[in-house]
Amino acid sequence: MFAQPGANDTGGTLEDTTGDTTPGAPIDDYLWVLVFVGLAFAIVKLRTTYKQEC
């Protein structure tokens, strides 16, 4: 539950983002693919629901 201080611990807070050069998450590259898959899944589910009602 408590983190152990490291060898190069500066004692900053969680909000301290100076020098933060981490890149974005890799999921950012495939976001448009996930949107497309989500829309396709929603269309297929709506179609099957509509066909069952008729």
PDB file of N, CA and C in Angstrom:
ATOM      1  N   MET A   1       0.806  -1.173   0.000  1.00  0.00           N
ATOM      2  CA  MET A   1       0.000   0.000   0.000  1.00  0.00           C
ATOM      3  C   MET A   1       0.863   1.256   0.000  1.00  0.00           C
ATOM      4  N   PHE A   2       2.054   1.203   0.534  1.00  0.00           N
ATOM      5  CA  PHE A   2       2.929   2.362   0.563  1.00  0.00           C
ATOM      6  C   PHE A   2       4.127   2.095  -0.331  1.00  0.00           C
ATOM      7  N   ALA A   3       4.428   3.019  -1.208  1.00  0.00           N
ATOM      8  CA  ALA A   3       5.553   2.848  -2.124  1.00  0.00           C
ATOM      9  C   ALA A   3       6.861   3.093  -1.391  1.00  0.00           C
ATOM     10  N   GLN A   4       7.838   2.307  -1.748  1.00  0.00           N
ATOM     11  CA  GLN A   4       9.167   2.483  -1.181  1.00  0.00           C
ATOM     12  C   GLN A   4       9.912   3.543  -1.997  1.00  0.00           C
ATOM     13  N   PRO A   5      10.606   4.468  -1.357  1.00  0.00           N
ATOM     14  CA  PRO A   5      11.339   5.486  -2.118  1.00  0.00           C
ATOM     15  C   PRO A   5      12.468   4.846  -2.918  1.00  0.00           C
ATOM     16  N   GLY A   6      12.658   5.347  -4.134  1.00  0.00           N
ATOM     17  CA  GLY A   6      13.705   4.829  -4.992  1.00  0.00           C
ATOM     18  C   GLY A   6      15.011   5.569  -4.802  1.00  0.00           C
ATOM     19  N   ALA A   7      16.011   5.188  -5.597  1.00  0.00           N
ATOM     20  CA  ALA A   7      17.327   5.803  -5.497  1.00  0.00           C
ATOM     21  C   ALA A   7      17.315   7.243  -5.999  1.00  0.00           C
ATOM     22  N   ASN A   8      16.467   7.535  -6.985  1.00  0.00           N
ATOM     23  CA  ASN A   8      16.410   8.889  -7.536  1.00  0.00           C
ATOM     24  C   ASN A   8      15.067   9.549  -7.243  1.00  0.00           C
ATOM     25  N   ASP A   9      14.552   9.347  -6.061  1.00  0.00           N
ATOM     26  CA  ASP A   9      13.277   9.926  -5.648  1.00  0.00           C
ATOM     27  C   ASP A   9      13.447  11.418  -5.392  1.00  0.00           C
ATOM     28  N   THR A  10      12.638  12.236  -6.078  1.00  0.00           N
ATOM     29  CA  THR A  10      12.740  13.691  -5.908  1.00  0.00           C
ATOM     30  C   THR A  10      11.750  14.213  -4.891  1.00  0.00           C
ATOM     31  N   GLY A  11      10.843  13.361  -4.443  1.00  0.00           N
ATOM     32  CA  GLY A  11       9.889  13.796  -3.436  1.00  0.00           C
ATOM     33  C   GLY A  11       8.772  14.632  -3.998  1.00  0.00           C
ATOM     34  N   GLY A  12       8.511  14.551  -5.311  1.00  0.00           N
ATOM     35  CA  GLY A  12       7.437  15.315  -5.926  1.00  0.00           C
ATOM     36  C   GLY A  12       6.076  14.724  -5.611  1.00  0.00           C
ATOM     37  N   THR A  13       5.051  15.465  -5.949  1.00  0.00           N
ATOM     38  CA  THR A  13       3.690  14.979  -5.732  1.00  0.00           C
ATOM     39  C   THR A  13       3.184  14.311  -7.004  1.00  0.00           C
ATOM     40  N   LEU A  14       2.009  13.732  -6.930  1.00  0.00           N
ATOM     41  CA  LEU A  14       1.426  13.094  -8.105  1.00  0.00           C
ATOM     42  C   LEU A  14       1.096  14.109  -9.196  1.00  0.00           C
ATOM     43  N   GLU A  15       0.828  15.345  -8.807  1.00  0.00           N
ATOM     44  CA  GLU A  15       0.496  16.373  -9.772  1.00  0.00           C
ATOM     45  C   GLU A  15       1.734  16.977 -10.418  1.00  0.00           C
ATOM     46  N   ASP A  16       2.914  16.654  -9.919  1.00  0.00           N
ATOM     47  CA  ASP A  16       4.164  17.198 -10.448  1.00  0.00           C
ATOM     48  C   ASP A  16       4.474  16.521 -11.775  1.00  0.00           C
ATOM     49  N   THR A  17       4.308  17.245 -12.879  1.00  0.00           N
ATOM     50  CA  THR A  17       4.523  16.660 -14.205  1.00  0.00           C
ATOM     51  C   THR A  17       5.684  17.312 -14.938  1.00  0.00           C
ATOM     52  N   THR A  18       6.557  17.978 -14.234  1.00  0.00           N
ATOM     53  CA  THR A  18       7.693  18.616 -14.901  1.00  0.00           C
ATOM     54  C   THR A  18       8.644  17.537 -15.394  1.00  0.00           C
ATOM     55  N   GLY A  19       9.046  17.646 -16.642  1.00  0.00           N
ATOM     56  CA  GLY A  19       9.963  16.674 -17.207  1.00  0.00           C
ATOM     57  C   GLY A  19       9.290  15.388 -17.647  1.00  0.00           C
ATOM     58  N   ASP A  20       7.978  15.353 -17.662  1.00  0.00           N
ATOM     59  CA  ASP A  20       7.255  14.151 -18.058  1.00  0.00           C
ATOM     60  C   ASP A  20       7.248  14.054 -19.582  1.00  0.00           C
ATOM     61  N   THR A  21       7.963  13.097 -20.132  1.00  0.00           N
ATOM     62  CA  THR A  21       8.045  12.952 -21.584  1.00  0.00           C
ATOM     63  C   THR A  21       7.491  11.612 -22.049  1.00  0.00           C
ATOM     64  N   THR A  22       6.624  11.000 -21.261  1.00  0.00           N
ATOM     65  CA  THR A  22       6.079   9.704 -21.648  1.00  0.00           C
ATOM     66  C   THR A  22       5.116   9.890 -22.810  1.00  0.00           C
ATOM     67  N   PRO A  23       5.188   9.020 -23.811  1.00  0.00           N
ATOM     68  CA  PRO A  23       4.275   9.131 -24.947  1.00  0.00           C
ATOM     69  C   PRO A  23       2.870   8.687 -24.559  1.00  0.00           C
ATOM     70  N   GLY A  24       1.926   8.974 -25.432  1.00  0.00           N
ATOM     71  CA  GLY A  24       0.559   8.555 -25.195  1.00  0.00           C
ATOM     72  C   GLY A  24       0.431   7.043 -25.206  1.00  0.00           C
ATOM     73  N   ALA A  25      -0.661   6.560 -24.713  1.00  0.00           N
ATOM     74  CA  ALA A  25      -0.894   5.120 -24.677  1.00  0.00           C
ATOM     75  C   ALA A  25      -0.971   4.575 -26.104  1.00  0.00           C
ATOM     76  N   PRO A  26      -0.517   3.345 -26.333  1.00  0.00           N
ATOM     77  CA  PRO A  26      -0.540   2.779 -27.679  1.00  0.00           C
ATOM     78  C   PRO A  26      -1.951   2.613 -28.237  1.00  0.00           C
ATOM     79  N   ILE A  27      -2.961   2.647 -27.384  1.00  0.00           N
ATOM     80  CA  ILE A  27      -4.335   2.494 -27.859  1.00  0.00           C
ATOM     81  C   ILE A  27      -4.745   3.703 -28.712  1.00  0.00           C
ATOM     82  N   ASP A  28      -4.064   4.825 -28.563  1.00  0.00           N
ATOM     83  CA  ASP A  28      -4.386   6.014 -29.345  1.00  0.00           C
ATOM     84  C   ASP A  28      -4.240   5.760 -30.843  1.00  0.00           C
ATOM     85  N   ASP A  29      -3.310   4.887 -31.218  1.00  0.00           N
ATOM     86  CA  ASP A  29      -3.081   4.607 -32.631  1.00  0.00           C
ATOM     87  C   ASP A  29      -4.236   3.849 -33.264  1.00  0.00           C
ATOM     88  N   TYR A  30      -4.958   3.077 -32.490  1.00  0.00           N
ATOM     89  CA  TYR A  30      -6.011   2.216 -33.024  1.00  0.00           C
ATOM     90  C   TYR A  30      -7.404   2.654 -32.606  1.00  0.00           C
ATOM     91  N   LEU A  31      -7.537   3.887 -32.194  1.00  0.00           N
ATOM     92  CA  LEU A  31      -8.831   4.367 -31.716  1.00  0.00           C
ATOM     93  C   LEU A  31      -9.884   4.341 -32.812  1.00  0.00           C
ATOM     94  N   TRP A  32      -9.525   4.717 -34.029  1.00  0.00           N
ATOM     95  CA  TRP A  32     -10.497   4.724 -35.125  1.00  0.00           C
ATOM     96  C   TRP A  32     -10.934   3.298 -35.456  1.00  0.00           C
ATOM     97  N   VAL A  33     -10.060   2.316 -35.294  1.00  0.00           N
ATOM     98  CA  VAL A  33     -10.440   0.917 -35.531  1.00  0.00           C
ATOM     99  C   VAL A  33     -11.438   0.467 -34.473  1.00  0.00           C
ATOM    100  N   LEU A  34     -11.198   0.848 -33.222  1.00  0.00           N
ATOM    101  CA  LEU A  34     -12.118   0.481 -32.153  1.00  0.00           C
ATOM    102  C   LEU A  34     -13.488   1.126 -32.338  1.00  0.00           C
ATOM    103  N   VAL A  35     -13.516   2.355 -32.815  1.00  0.00           N
ATOM    104  CA  VAL A  35     -14.793   3.022 -33.085  1.00  0.00           C
ATOM    105  C   VAL A  35     -15.547   2.285 -34.183  1.00  0.00           C
ATOM    106  N   PHE A  36     -14.853   1.892 -35.241  1.00  0.00           N
ATOM    107  CA  PHE A  36     -15.476   1.171 -36.337  1.00  0.00           C
ATOM    108  C   PHE A  36     -16.025  -0.176 -35.866  1.00  0.00           C
ATOM    109  N   VAL A  37     -15.253  -0.906 -35.092  1.00  0.00           N
ATOM    110  CA  VAL A  37     -15.704  -2.207 -34.583  1.00  0.00           C
ATOM    111  C   VAL A  37     -16.910  -2.026 -33.672  1.00  0.00           C
ATOM    112  N   GLY A  38     -16.897  -0.988 -32.842  1.00  0.00           N
ATOM    113  CA  GLY A  38     -18.030  -0.725 -31.955  1.00  0.00           C
ATOM    114  C   GLY A  38     -19.292  -0.393 -32.725  1.00  0.00           C
ATOM    115  N   LEU A  39     -19.180   0.418 -33.763  1.00  0.00           N
ATOM    116  CA  LEU A  39     -20.351   0.759 -34.579  1.00  0.00           C
ATOM    117  C   LEU A  39     -20.873  -0.464 -35.328  1.00  0.00           C
ATOM    118  N   ALA A  40     -19.967  -1.276 -35.862  1.00  0.00           N
ATOM    119  CA  ALA A  40     -20.388  -2.492 -36.567  1.00  0.00           C
ATOM    120  C   ALA A  40     -21.099  -3.437 -35.614  1.00  0.00           C
ATOM    121  N   PHE A  41     -20.590  -3.588 -34.410  1.00  0.00           N
ATOM    122  CA  PHE A  41     -21.237  -4.454 -33.422  1.00  0.00           C
ATOM    123  C   PHE A  41     -22.622  -3.938 -33.064  1.00  0.00           C
ATOM    124  N   ALA A  42     -22.760  -2.633 -32.885  1.00  0.00           N
ATOM    125  CA  ALA A  42     -24.062  -2.054 -32.544  1.00  0.00           C
ATOM    126  C   ALA A  42     -25.059  -2.265 -33.680  1.00  0.00           C
ATOM    127  N   ILE A  43     -24.628  -2.121 -34.927  1.00  0.00           N
ATOM    128  CA  ILE A  43     -25.525  -2.317 -36.066  1.00  0.00           C
ATOM    129  C   ILE A  43     -25.985  -3.764 -36.138  1.00  0.00           C
ATOM    130  N   VAL A  44     -25.063  -4.699 -35.943  1.00  0.00           N
ATOM    131  CA  VAL A  44     -25.423  -6.117 -35.986  1.00  0.00           C
ATOM    132  C   VAL A  44     -26.399  -6.457 -34.870  1.00  0.00           C
ATOM    133  N   LYS A  45     -26.164  -5.953 -33.677  1.00  0.00           N
ATOM    134  CA  LYS A  45     -27.074  -6.234 -32.552  1.00  0.00           C
ATOM    135  C   LYS A  45     -28.449  -5.614 -32.789  1.00  0.00           C
ATOM    136  N   LEU A  46     -28.509  -4.405 -33.333  1.00  0.00           N
ATOM    137  CA  LEU A  46     -29.799  -3.780 -33.608  1.00  0.00           C
ATOM    138  C   LEU A  46     -30.551  -4.542 -34.695  1.00  0.00           C
ATOM    139  N   ARG A  47     -29.839  -5.021 -35.699  1.00  0.00           N
ATOM    140  CA  ARG A  47     -30.478  -5.811 -36.752  1.00  0.00           C
ATOM    141  C   ARG A  47     -31.098  -7.085 -36.210  1.00  0.00           C
ATOM    142  N   THR A  48     -30.346  -7.798 -35.379  1.00  0.00           N
ATOM    143  CA  THR A  48     -30.879  -9.055 -34.829  1.00  0.00           C
ATOM    144  C   THR A  48     -32.062  -8.782 -33.910  1.00  0.00           C
ATOM    145  N   THR A  49     -32.031  -7.718 -33.161  1.00  0.00           N
ATOM    146  CA  THR A  49     -33.154  -7.363 -32.296  1.00  0.00           C
ATOM    147  C   THR A  49     -34.390  -7.016 -33.125  1.00  0.00           C
ATOM    148  N   TYR A  50     -34.185  -6.269 -34.202  1.00  0.00           N
ATOM    149  CA  TYR A  50     -35.301  -5.880 -35.059  1.00  0.00           C
ATOM    150  C   TYR A  50     -35.906  -7.096 -35.750  1.00  0.00           C
ATOM    151  N   LYS A  51     -35.081  -8.032 -36.211  1.00  0.00           N
ATOM    152  CA  LYS A  51     -35.571  -9.230 -36.896  1.00  0.00           C
ATOM    153  C   LYS A  51     -36.349 -10.128 -35.943  1.00  0.00           C
ATOM    154  N   GLN A  52     -35.978 -10.171 -34.671  1.00  0.00           N
ATOM    155  CA  GLN A  52     -36.673 -11.009 -33.701  1.00  0.00           C
ATOM    156  C   GLN A  52     -38.053 -10.435 -33.375  1.00  0.00           C
ATOM    157  N   GLU A  53     -38.219  -9.125 -33.447  1.00  0.00           N
ATOM    158  CA  GLU A  53     -39.496  -8.488 -33.131  1.00  0.00           C
ATOM    159  C   GLU A  53     -40.498  -8.652 -34.266  1.00  0.00           C
ATOM    160  N   CYS A  54     -40.045  -8.763 -35.501  1.00  0.00           N
ATOM    161  CA  CYS A  54     -40.950  -8.856 -36.641  1.00  0.00           C
ATOM    162  C   CYS A  54     -41.433 -10.226 -36.896  1.00  0.00           C
TER     163      CYS A  54
END
